[in-house]
PDB file of N, CA and C in Angstrom:
ATOM      1  N   LYS A   1    -229.514 -11.379   8.306  1.00  0.00           N
ATOM      2  CA  LYS A   1    -228.879 -12.033   9.432  1.00  0.00           C
ATOM      3  C   LYS A   1    -229.257 -11.307  10.705  1.00  0.00           C
ATOM      4  N   ILE A   2    -229.414 -12.040  11.755  1.00  0.00           N
ATOM      5  CA  ILE A   2    -229.654 -11.458  13.066  1.00  0.00           C
ATOM      6  C   ILE A   2    -228.453 -11.792  13.932  1.00  0.00           C
ATOM      7  N   TYR A   3    -227.836 -10.749  14.484  1.00  0.00           N
ATOM      8  CA  TYR A   3    -226.645 -10.925  15.306  1.00  0.00           C
ATOM      9  C   TYR A   3    -227.000 -10.805  16.777  1.00  0.00           C
ATOM     10  N   GLN A   4    -226.125 -11.280  17.615  1.00  0.00           N
ATOM     11  CA  GLN A   4    -226.295 -11.146  19.055  1.00  0.00           C
ATOM     12  C   GLN A   4    -226.292  -9.672  19.439  1.00  0.00           C
ATOM     13  N   THR A   5    -226.945  -9.367  20.540  1.00  0.00           N
ATOM     14  CA  THR A   5    -226.940  -8.007  21.065  1.00  0.00           C
ATOM     15  C   THR A   5    -225.505  -7.604  21.371  1.00  0.00           C
ATOM     16  N   THR A   6    -225.183  -6.358  21.056  1.00  0.00           N
ATOM     17  CA  THR A   6    -223.836  -5.845  21.294  1.00  0.00           C
ATOM     18  C   THR A   6    -223.938  -4.462  21.916  1.00  0.00           C
ATOM     19  N   SER A   7    -222.863  -3.999  22.491  1.00  0.00           N
ATOM     20  CA  SER A   7    -222.875  -2.659  23.078  1.00  0.00           C
ATOM     21  C   SER A   7    -222.908  -1.608  21.963  1.00  0.00           C
ATOM     22  N   PHE A   8    -223.375  -0.434  22.311  1.00  0.00           N
ATOM     23  CA  PHE A   8    -223.455   0.662  21.342  1.00  0.00           C
ATOM     24  C   PHE A   8    -222.071   0.962  20.772  1.00  0.00           C
ATOM     25  N   ILE A   9    -221.074   1.047  21.624  1.00  0.00           N
ATOM     26  CA  ILE A   9    -219.708   1.371  21.184  1.00  0.00           C
ATOM     27  C   ILE A   9    -219.185   0.318  20.219  1.00  0.00           C
ATOM     28  N   GLU A  10    -219.386  -0.951  20.541  1.00  0.00           N
ATOM     29  CA  GLU A  10    -218.934  -2.028  19.645  1.00  0.00           C
ATOM     30  C   GLU A  10    -219.673  -1.971  18.311  1.00  0.00           C
ATOM     31  N   PHE A  11    -220.961  -1.696  18.360  1.00  0.00           N
ATOM     32  CA  PHE A  11    -221.743  -1.598  17.132  1.00  0.00           C
ATOM     33  C   PHE A  11    -221.180  -0.502  16.234  1.00  0.00           C
ATOM     34  N   ILE A  12    -220.948   0.673  16.795  1.00  0.00           N
ATOM     35  CA  ILE A  12    -220.416   1.809  16.028  1.00  0.00           C
ATOM     36  C   ILE A  12    -219.056   1.466  15.425  1.00  0.00           C
ATOM     37  N   LYS A  13    -218.202   0.813  16.202  1.00  0.00           N
ATOM     38  CA  LYS A  13    -216.855   0.438  15.727  1.00  0.00           C
ATOM     39  C   LYS A  13    -216.915  -0.528  14.544  1.00  0.00           C
ATOM     40  N   ASN A  14    -217.950  -1.356  14.500  1.00  0.00           N
ATOM     41  CA  ASN A  14    -218.014  -2.418  13.497  1.00  0.00           C
ATOM     42  C   ASN A  14    -218.859  -2.094  12.273  1.00  0.00           C
ATOM     43  N   ILE A  15    -219.276  -0.839  12.122  1.00  0.00           N
ATOM     44  CA  ILE A  15    -220.037  -0.466  10.933  1.00  0.00           C
ATOM     45  C   ILE A  15    -219.108  -0.523   9.723  1.00  0.00           C
ATOM     46  N   GLU A  16    -219.544  -1.236   8.696  1.00  0.00           N
ATOM     47  CA  GLU A  16    -218.746  -1.351   7.480  1.00  0.00           C
ATOM     48  C   GLU A  16    -218.933  -0.108   6.624  1.00  0.00           C
ATOM     49  N   LYS A  17    -217.952   0.191   5.787  1.00  0.00           N
ATOM     50  CA  LYS A  17    -217.992   1.443   5.020  1.00  0.00           C
ATOM     51  C   LYS A  17    -219.140   1.489   4.007  1.00  0.00           C
ATOM     52  N   ASN A  18    -219.636   0.344   3.547  1.00  0.00           N
ATOM     53  CA  ASN A  18    -220.742   0.331   2.588  1.00  0.00           C
ATOM     54  C   ASN A  18    -222.090   0.023   3.240  1.00  0.00           C
ATOM     55  N   GLU A  19    -222.120   0.039   4.574  1.00  0.00           N
ATOM     56  CA  GLU A  19    -223.321  -0.317   5.335  1.00  0.00           C
ATOM     57  C   GLU A  19    -224.171   0.923   5.616  1.00  0.00           C
ATOM     58  N   LEU A  20    -225.466   0.781   5.476  1.00  0.00           N
ATOM     59  CA  LEU A  20    -226.414   1.813   5.860  1.00  0.00           C
ATOM     60  C   LEU A  20    -227.048   1.383   7.175  1.00  0.00           C
ATOM     61  N   VAL A  21    -226.951   2.236   8.173  1.00  0.00           N
ATOM     62  CA  VAL A  21    -227.544   1.952   9.475  1.00  0.00           C
ATOM     63  C   VAL A  21    -228.730   2.890   9.669  1.00  0.00           C
ATOM     64  N   ILE A  22    -229.878   2.301   9.916  1.00  0.00           N
ATOM     65  CA  ILE A  22    -231.090   3.068  10.171  1.00  0.00           C
ATOM     66  C   ILE A  22    -231.320   3.061  11.676  1.00  0.00           C
ATOM     67  N   ALA A  23    -231.169   4.242  12.285  1.00  0.00           N
ATOM     68  CA  ALA A  23    -231.305   4.380  13.734  1.00  0.00           C
ATOM     69  C   ALA A  23    -232.705   4.883  14.070  1.00  0.00           C
ATOM     70  N   CYS A  24    -233.456   4.077  14.765  1.00  0.00           N
ATOM     71  CA  CYS A  24    -234.823   4.430  15.152  1.00  0.00           C
ATOM     72  C   CYS A  24    -234.755   5.153  16.490  1.00  0.00           C
ATOM     73  N   THR A  25    -235.010   6.469  16.455  1.00  0.00           N
ATOM     74  CA  THR A  25    -234.924   7.269  17.666  1.00  0.00           C
ATOM     75  C   THR A  25    -236.258   7.935  17.961  1.00  0.00           C
ATOM     76  N   VAL A  26    -236.483   8.234  19.216  1.00  0.00           N
ATOM     77  CA  VAL A  26    -237.694   8.936  19.627  1.00  0.00           C
ATOM     78  C   VAL A  26    -237.620  10.388  19.167  1.00  0.00           C
ATOM     79  N   GLU A  27    -236.416  10.942  19.189  1.00  0.00           N
ATOM     80  CA  GLU A  27    -236.198  12.347  18.846  1.00  0.00           C
ATOM     81  C   GLU A  27    -236.569  12.675  17.396  1.00  0.00           C
ATOM     82  N   CYS A  28    -236.297  11.763  16.500  1.00  0.00           N
ATOM     83  CA  CYS A  28    -236.560  12.000  15.079  1.00  0.00           C
ATOM     84  C   CYS A  28    -238.040  11.753  14.799  1.00  0.00           C
ATOM     85  N   ILE A  29    -238.709  12.759  14.231  1.00  0.00           N
ATOM     86  CA  ILE A  29    -240.143  12.586  13.987  1.00  0.00           C
ATOM     87  C   ILE A  29    -240.548  12.786  12.528  1.00  0.00           C
ATOM     88  N   ASP A  30    -239.636  13.267  11.683  1.00  0.00           N
ATOM     89  CA  ASP A  30    -240.059  13.620  10.326  1.00  0.00           C
ATOM     90  C   ASP A  30    -239.345  12.869   9.208  1.00  0.00           C
ATOM     91  N   VAL A  31    -238.545  11.871   9.532  1.00  0.00           N
ATOM     92  CA  VAL A  31    -237.851  11.094   8.505  1.00  0.00           C
ATOM     93  C   VAL A  31    -238.369   9.663   8.571  1.00  0.00           C
ATOM     94  N   THR A  32    -238.886   9.172   7.450  1.00  0.00           N
ATOM     95  CA  THR A  32    -239.429   7.813   7.415  1.00  0.00           C
ATOM     96  C   THR A  32    -238.446   6.849   6.779  1.00  0.00           C
ATOM     97  N   ILE A  33    -238.613   5.593   7.074  1.00  0.00           N
ATOM     98  CA  ILE A  33    -237.760   4.561   6.477  1.00  0.00           C
ATOM     99  C   ILE A  33    -237.931   4.547   4.961  1.00  0.00           C
ATOM    100  N   SER A  34    -239.155   4.698   4.492  1.00  0.00           N
ATOM    101  CA  SER A  34    -239.371   4.674   3.033  1.00  0.00           C
ATOM    102  C   SER A  34    -238.648   5.831   2.353  1.00  0.00           C
ATOM    103  N   SER A  35    -238.579   7.009   2.996  1.00  0.00           N
ATOM    104  CA  SER A  35    -237.857   8.129   2.381  1.00  0.00           C
ATOM    105  C   SER A  35    -236.354   7.892   2.371  1.00  0.00           C
ATOM    106  N   ILE A  36    -235.844   7.194   3.357  1.00  0.00           N
ATOM    107  CA  ILE A  36    -234.412   6.869   3.401  1.00  0.00           C
ATOM    108  C   ILE A  36    -234.061   5.882   2.298  1.00  0.00           C
ATOM    109  N   LEU A  37    -234.916   4.895   2.099  1.00  0.00           N
ATOM    110  CA  LEU A  37    -234.597   3.816   1.156  1.00  0.00           C
ATOM    111  C   LEU A  37    -235.004   4.111  -0.286  1.00  0.00           C
ATOM    112  N   ARG A  38    -235.779   5.159  -0.502  1.00  0.00           N
ATOM    113  CA  ARG A  38    -236.203   5.504  -1.855  1.00  0.00           C
ATOM    114  C   ARG A  38    -234.967   5.745  -2.726  1.00  0.00           C
ATOM    115  N   GLY A  39    -234.767   4.920  -3.709  1.00  0.00           N
ATOM    116  CA  GLY A  39    -233.629   5.053  -4.618  1.00  0.00           C
ATOM    117  C   GLY A  39    -232.307   4.554  -4.055  1.00  0.00           C
ATOM    118  N   SER A  40    -232.312   3.977  -2.865  1.00  0.00           N
ATOM    119  CA  SER A  40    -231.088   3.494  -2.243  1.00  0.00           C
ATOM    120  C   SER A  40    -230.537   2.282  -2.992  1.00  0.00           C
ATOM    121  N   THR A  41    -229.226   2.213  -3.074  1.00  0.00           N
ATOM    122  CA  THR A  41    -228.575   1.062  -3.700  1.00  0.00           C
ATOM    123  C   THR A  41    -227.823   0.223  -2.671  1.00  0.00           C
ATOM    124  N   HIS A  42    -228.017   0.513  -1.401  1.00  0.00           N
ATOM    125  CA  HIS A  42    -227.325  -0.226  -0.348  1.00  0.00           C
ATOM    126  C   HIS A  42    -227.776  -1.685  -0.339  1.00  0.00           C
ATOM    127  N   THR A  43    -226.807  -2.561  -0.176  1.00  0.00           N
ATOM    128  CA  THR A  43    -227.121  -3.986  -0.070  1.00  0.00           C
ATOM    129  C   THR A  43    -226.952  -4.476   1.364  1.00  0.00           C
ATOM    130  N   CYS A  44    -226.350  -3.650   2.204  1.00  0.00           N
ATOM    131  CA  CYS A  44    -226.155  -4.001   3.609  1.00  0.00           C
ATOM    132  C   CYS A  44    -226.847  -2.933   4.460  1.00  0.00           C
ATOM    133  N   ILE A  45    -227.950  -3.313   5.075  1.00  0.00           N
ATOM    134  CA  ILE A  45    -228.732  -2.386   5.893  1.00  0.00           C
ATOM    135  C   ILE A  45    -228.867  -2.978   7.286  1.00  0.00           C
ATOM    136  N   SER A  46    -228.551  -2.159   8.288  1.00  0.00           N
ATOM    137  CA  SER A  46    -228.705  -2.573   9.680  1.00  0.00           C
ATOM    138  C   SER A  46    -229.697  -1.656  10.367  1.00  0.00           C
ATOM    139  N   ILE A  47    -230.298  -2.175  11.425  1.00  0.00           N
ATOM    140  CA  ILE A  47    -231.263  -1.407  12.213  1.00  0.00           C
ATOM    141  C   ILE A  47    -230.673  -1.212  13.601  1.00  0.00           C
ATOM    142  N   LEU A  48    -230.728   0.031  14.074  1.00  0.00           N
ATOM    143  CA  LEU A  48    -230.241   0.354  15.412  1.00  0.00           C
ATOM    144  C   LEU A  48    -231.430   0.799  16.245  1.00  0.00           C
ATOM    145  N   ILE A  49    -231.737   0.012  17.281  1.00  0.00           N
ATOM    146  CA  ILE A  49    -232.865   0.288  18.171  1.00  0.00           C
ATOM    147  C   ILE A  49    -232.294   0.640  19.542  1.00  0.00           C
ATOM    148  N   GLY A  50    -232.768   1.717  20.115  1.00  0.00           N
ATOM    149  CA  GLY A  50    -232.256   2.158  21.409  1.00  0.00           C
ATOM    150  C   GLY A  50    -232.910   1.451  22.575  1.00  0.00           C
ATOM    151  N   PRO A  51    -232.382   1.707  23.756  1.00  0.00           N
ATOM    152  CA  PRO A  51    -232.942   1.116  24.970  1.00  0.00           C
ATOM    153  C   PRO A  51    -234.204   1.856  25.407  1.00  0.00           C
ATOM    154  N   GLU A  52    -234.858   1.346  26.415  1.00  0.00           N
ATOM    155  CA  GLU A  52    -236.027   2.025  26.972  1.00  0.00           C
ATOM    156  C   GLU A  52    -235.622   3.441  27.376  1.00  0.00           C
ATOM    157  N   GLY A  53    -236.405   4.412  26.958  1.00  0.00           N
ATOM    158  CA  GLY A  53    -236.071   5.802  27.255  1.00  0.00           C
ATOM    159  C   GLY A  53    -235.243   6.457  26.170  1.00  0.00           C
ATOM    160  N   ASP A  54    -234.921   5.734  25.126  1.00  0.00           N
ATOM    161  CA  ASP A  54    -234.165   6.207  23.968  1.00  0.00           C
ATOM    162  C   ASP A  54    -232.666   6.243  24.259  1.00  0.00           C
ATOM    163  N   PHE A  55    -231.922   6.646  23.258  1.00  0.00           N
ATOM    164  CA  PHE A  55    -230.478   6.728  23.350  1.00  0.00           C
ATOM    165  C   PHE A  55    -230.079   7.867  24.288  1.00  0.00           C
ATOM    166  N   SER A  56    -228.874   7.775  24.848  1.00  0.00           N
ATOM    167  CA  SER A  56    -228.354   8.860  25.682  1.00  0.00           C
ATOM    168  C   SER A  56    -227.927  10.020  24.777  1.00  0.00           C
ATOM    169  N   GLU A  57    -227.675  11.162  25.360  1.00  0.00           N
ATOM    170  CA  GLU A  57    -227.233  12.324  24.584  1.00  0.00           C
ATOM    171  C   GLU A  57    -225.921  12.028  23.855  1.00  0.00           C
ATOM    172  N   LYS A  58    -225.023  11.331  24.513  1.00  0.00           N
ATOM    173  CA  LYS A  58    -223.738  10.955  23.901  1.00  0.00           C
ATOM    174  C   LYS A  58    -223.966  10.030  22.696  1.00  0.00           C
ATOM    175  N   GLU A  59    -224.873   9.083  22.839  1.00  0.00           N
ATOM    176  CA  GLU A  59    -225.179   8.160  21.743  1.00  0.00           C
ATOM    177  C   GLU A  59    -225.842   8.894  20.575  1.00  0.00           C
ATOM    178  N   ILE A  60    -226.779   9.803  20.875  1.00  0.00           N
ATOM    179  CA  ILE A  60    -227.430  10.586  19.822  1.00  0.00           C
ATOM    180  C   ILE A  60    -226.394  11.389  19.052  1.00  0.00           C
ATOM    181  N   ASN A  61    -225.442  11.976  19.753  1.00  0.00           N
ATOM    182  CA  ASN A  61    -224.376  12.732  19.078  1.00  0.00           C
ATOM    183  C   ASN A  61    -223.541  11.831  18.174  1.00  0.00           C
ATOM    184  N   ALA A  62    -223.257  10.607  18.629  1.00  0.00           N
ATOM    185  CA  ALA A  62    -222.503   9.656  17.807  1.00  0.00           C
ATOM    186  C   ALA A  62    -223.300   9.257  16.569  1.00  0.00           C
ATOM    187  N   ILE A  63    -224.602   9.112  16.729  1.00  0.00           N
ATOM    188  CA  ILE A  63    -225.477   8.776  15.602  1.00  0.00           C
ATOM    189  C   ILE A  63    -225.475   9.914  14.584  1.00  0.00           C
ATOM    190  N   LYS A  64    -225.623  11.132  15.067  1.00  0.00           N
ATOM    191  CA  LYS A  64    -225.710  12.293  14.181  1.00  0.00           C
ATOM    192  C   LYS A  64    -224.400  12.581  13.441  1.00  0.00           C
ATOM    193  N   THR A  65    -223.283  12.167  13.995  1.00  0.00           N
ATOM    194  CA  THR A  65    -221.991  12.473  13.366  1.00  0.00           C
ATOM    195  C   THR A  65    -221.432  11.326  12.524  1.00  0.00           C
ATOM    196  N   ASN A  66    -222.101  10.188  12.519  1.00  0.00           N
ATOM    197  CA  ASN A  66    -221.619   9.058  11.716  1.00  0.00           C
ATOM    198  C   ASN A  66    -222.289   9.095  10.349  1.00  0.00           C
ATOM    199  N   LYS A  67    -221.483   9.158   9.293  1.00  0.00           N
ATOM    200  CA  LYS A  67    -222.028   9.302   7.931  1.00  0.00           C
ATOM    201  C   LYS A  67    -222.805   8.074   7.463  1.00  0.00           C
ATOM    202  N   ASN A  68    -222.627   6.942   8.097  1.00  0.00           N
ATOM    203  CA  ASN A  68    -223.334   5.727   7.693  1.00  0.00           C
ATOM    204  C   ASN A  68    -224.669   5.545   8.413  1.00  0.00           C
ATOM    205  N   ILE A  69    -224.954   6.417   9.386  1.00  0.00           N
ATOM    206  CA  ILE A  69    -226.169   6.261  10.183  1.00  0.00           C
ATOM    207  C   ILE A  69    -227.155   7.374   9.837  1.00  0.00           C
ATOM    208  N   ILE A  70    -228.394   6.970   9.585  1.00  0.00           N
ATOM    209  CA  ILE A  70    -229.472   7.930   9.334  1.00  0.00           C
ATOM    210  C   ILE A  70    -230.568   7.676  10.359  1.00  0.00           C
ATOM    211  N   GLU A  71    -230.973   8.740  11.039  1.00  0.00           N
ATOM    212  CA  GLU A  71    -232.061   8.635  12.013  1.00  0.00           C
ATOM    213  C   GLU A  71    -233.400   8.529  11.307  1.00  0.00           C
ATOM    214  N   THR A  72    -234.301   7.810  11.921  1.00  0.00           N
ATOM    215  CA  THR A  72    -235.646   7.681  11.383  1.00  0.00           C
ATOM    216  C   THR A  72    -236.662   7.609  12.513  1.00  0.00           C
ATOM    217  N   SER A  73    -237.903   7.756  12.118  1.00  0.00           N
ATOM    218  CA  SER A  73    -239.017   7.653  13.046  1.00  0.00           C
ATOM    219  C   SER A  73    -239.808   6.390  12.739  1.00  0.00           C
ATOM    220  N   LEU A  74    -240.336   5.790  13.778  1.00  0.00           N
ATOM    221  CA  LEU A  74    -241.252   4.657  13.599  1.00  0.00           C
ATOM    222  C   LEU A  74    -242.682   5.085  13.868  1.00  0.00           C
ATOM    223  N   GLY A  75    -242.912   6.392  13.854  1.00  0.00           N
ATOM    224  CA  GLY A  75    -244.249   6.914  14.086  1.00  0.00           C
ATOM    225  C   GLY A  75    -244.312   7.668  15.398  1.00  0.00           C
ATOM    226  N   HIS A  76    -245.507   8.094  15.745  1.00  0.00           N
ATOM    227  CA  HIS A  76    -245.680   8.926  16.936  1.00  0.00           C
ATOM    228  C   HIS A  76    -245.725   8.130  18.229  1.00  0.00           C
ATOM    229  N   ASN A  77    -245.967   6.849  18.162  1.00  0.00           N
ATOM    230  CA  ASN A  77    -246.008   6.017  19.368  1.00  0.00           C
ATOM    231  C   ASN A  77    -244.604   5.574  19.747  1.00  0.00           C
ATOM    232  N   ILE A  78    -244.337   5.502  21.033  1.00  0.00           N
ATOM    233  CA  ILE A  78    -243.062   4.972  21.517  1.00  0.00           C
ATOM    234  C   ILE A  78    -243.254   3.473  21.712  1.00  0.00           C
ATOM    235  N   LEU A  79    -242.428   2.699  21.021  1.00  0.00           N
ATOM    236  CA  LEU A  79    -242.565   1.246  21.020  1.00  0.00           C
ATOM    237  C   LEU A  79    -241.533   0.593  21.928  1.00  0.00           C
ATOM    238  N   LYS A  80    -241.861  -0.559  22.454  1.00  0.00           N
ATOM    239  CA  LYS A  80    -240.883  -1.368  23.184  1.00  0.00           C
ATOM    240  C   LYS A  80    -239.824  -1.837  22.179  1.00  0.00           C
ATOM    241  N   GLY A  81    -238.637  -2.135  22.661  1.00  0.00           N
ATOM    242  CA  GLY A  81    -237.533  -2.530  21.794  1.00  0.00           C
ATOM    243  C   GLY A  81    -237.872  -3.683  20.867  1.00  0.00           C
ATOM    244  N   GLU A  82    -238.506  -4.710  21.419  1.00  0.00           N
ATOM    245  CA  GLU A  82    -238.844  -5.888  20.617  1.00  0.00           C
ATOM    246  C   GLU A  82    -239.829  -5.520  19.510  1.00  0.00           C
ATOM    247  N   THR A  83    -240.804  -4.709  19.845  1.00  0.00           N
ATOM    248  CA  THR A  83    -241.803  -4.290  18.866  1.00  0.00           C
ATOM    249  C   THR A  83    -241.178  -3.374  17.822  1.00  0.00           C
ATOM    250  N   ALA A  84    -240.310  -2.466  18.260  1.00  0.00           N
ATOM    251  CA  ALA A  84    -239.641  -1.541  17.347  1.00  0.00           C
ATOM    252  C   ALA A  84    -238.822  -2.302  16.299  1.00  0.00           C
ATOM    253  N   ALA A  85    -238.151  -3.354  16.711  1.00  0.00           N
ATOM    254  CA  ALA A  85    -237.346  -4.144  15.770  1.00  0.00           C
ATOM    255  C   ALA A  85    -238.230  -4.805  14.711  1.00  0.00           C
ATOM    256  N   ILE A  86    -239.366  -5.321  15.123  1.00  0.00           N
ATOM    257  CA  ILE A  86    -240.293  -5.958  14.179  1.00  0.00           C
ATOM    258  C   ILE A  86    -240.866  -4.924  13.218  1.00  0.00           C
ATOM    259  N   VAL A  87    -241.296  -3.784  13.749  1.00  0.00           N
ATOM    260  CA  VAL A  87    -241.867  -2.726  12.912  1.00  0.00           C
ATOM    261  C   VAL A  87    -240.825  -2.215  11.918  1.00  0.00           C
ATOM    262  N   ALA A  88    -239.622  -1.931  12.390  1.00  0.00           N
ATOM    263  CA  ALA A  88    -238.566  -1.419  11.501  1.00  0.00           C
ATOM    264  C   ALA A  88    -238.239  -2.423  10.394  1.00  0.00           C
ATOM    265  N   THR A  89    -238.152  -3.686  10.745  1.00  0.00           N
ATOM    266  CA  THR A  89    -237.869  -4.722   9.751  1.00  0.00           C
ATOM    267  C   THR A  89    -238.984  -4.797   8.714  1.00  0.00           C
ATOM    268  N   ALA A  90    -240.219  -4.745   9.155  1.00  0.00           N
ATOM    269  CA  ALA A  90    -241.360  -4.798   8.233  1.00  0.00           C
ATOM    270  C   ALA A  90    -241.363  -3.579   7.311  1.00  0.00           C
ATOM    271  N   LEU A  91    -241.076  -2.396   7.850  1.00  0.00           N
ATOM    272  CA  LEU A  91    -241.054  -1.178   7.023  1.00  0.00           C
ATOM    273  C   LEU A  91    -239.927  -1.217   5.996  1.00  0.00           C
ATOM    274  N   ILE A  92    -238.782  -1.736   6.393  1.00  0.00           N
ATOM    275  CA  ILE A  92    -237.665  -1.866   5.445  1.00  0.00           C
ATOM    276  C   ILE A  92    -238.027  -2.859   4.348  1.00  0.00           C
ATOM    277  N   LYS A  93    -238.553  -4.001   4.739  1.00  0.00           N
ATOM    278  CA  LYS A  93    -238.947  -5.010   3.745  1.00  0.00           C
ATOM    279  C   LYS A  93    -239.973  -4.439   2.782  1.00  0.00           C
ATOM    280  N   ASP A  94    -240.961  -3.736   3.300  1.00  0.00           N
ATOM    281  CA  ASP A  94    -241.990  -3.131   2.456  1.00  0.00           C
ATOM    282  C   ASP A  94    -241.385  -2.098   1.503  1.00  0.00           C
ATOM    283  N   SER A  95    -240.491  -1.264   2.020  1.00  0.00           N
ATOM    284  CA  SER A  95    -239.861  -0.238   1.187  1.00  0.00           C
ATOM    285  C   SER A  95    -239.000  -0.833   0.088  1.00  0.00           C
ATOM    286  N   LEU A  96    -238.279  -1.883   0.399  1.00  0.00           N
ATOM    287  CA  LEU A  96    -237.399  -2.509  -0.600  1.00  0.00           C
ATOM    288  C   LEU A  96    -238.195  -3.228  -1.672  1.00  0.00           C
ATOM    289  N   ASN A  97    -239.343  -3.774  -1.321  1.00  0.00           N
ATOM    290  CA  ASN A  97    -240.184  -4.439  -2.314  1.00  0.00           C
ATOM    291  C   ASN A  97    -240.793  -3.459  -3.304  1.00  0.00           C
ATOM    292  N   LYS A  98    -240.910  -2.190  -2.904  1.00  0.00           N
ATOM    293  CA  LYS A  98    -241.492  -1.170  -3.787  1.00  0.00           C
ATOM    294  C   LYS A  98    -240.452  -0.566  -4.726  1.00  0.00           C
ATOM    295  N   CYS A  99    -239.175  -0.762  -4.419  1.00  0.00           N
ATOM    296  CA  CYS A  99    -238.119  -0.152  -5.239  1.00  0.00           C
ATOM    297  C   CYS A  99    -237.987  -0.840  -6.586  1.00  0.00           C
TER     298      CYS A  99
END
C-alpha cells in the first residue's frame, strides 16, 4: 500500500508494534536492506525516506531510539526522495524474493 505523505511525528506515532520500518539515511553507510531482511519474518514493512539534506538531528535521534526502525544505506550516492523510494522498494522486493 502507498499512503499519503505524512509528517515525521505522525509517522512515528502510527508505527504498529509488529511493523518493521526501514529508514534510508545518508548517515548510515554500512547496513544494507538485504542484511536487514535476511531471515526476517516481518509481514509489515515500511520505508522511511528523509527530506532533501537528510533527516534533522532530532529526527535521527528518534530513528535511533525506536525499536521498530532500522537505519539502512541505499549506497554511496545521495538520491532524490522520489528516486530513493523507488530504489528502496526494489531492494526490498529483491531481498524478499530471495528469502
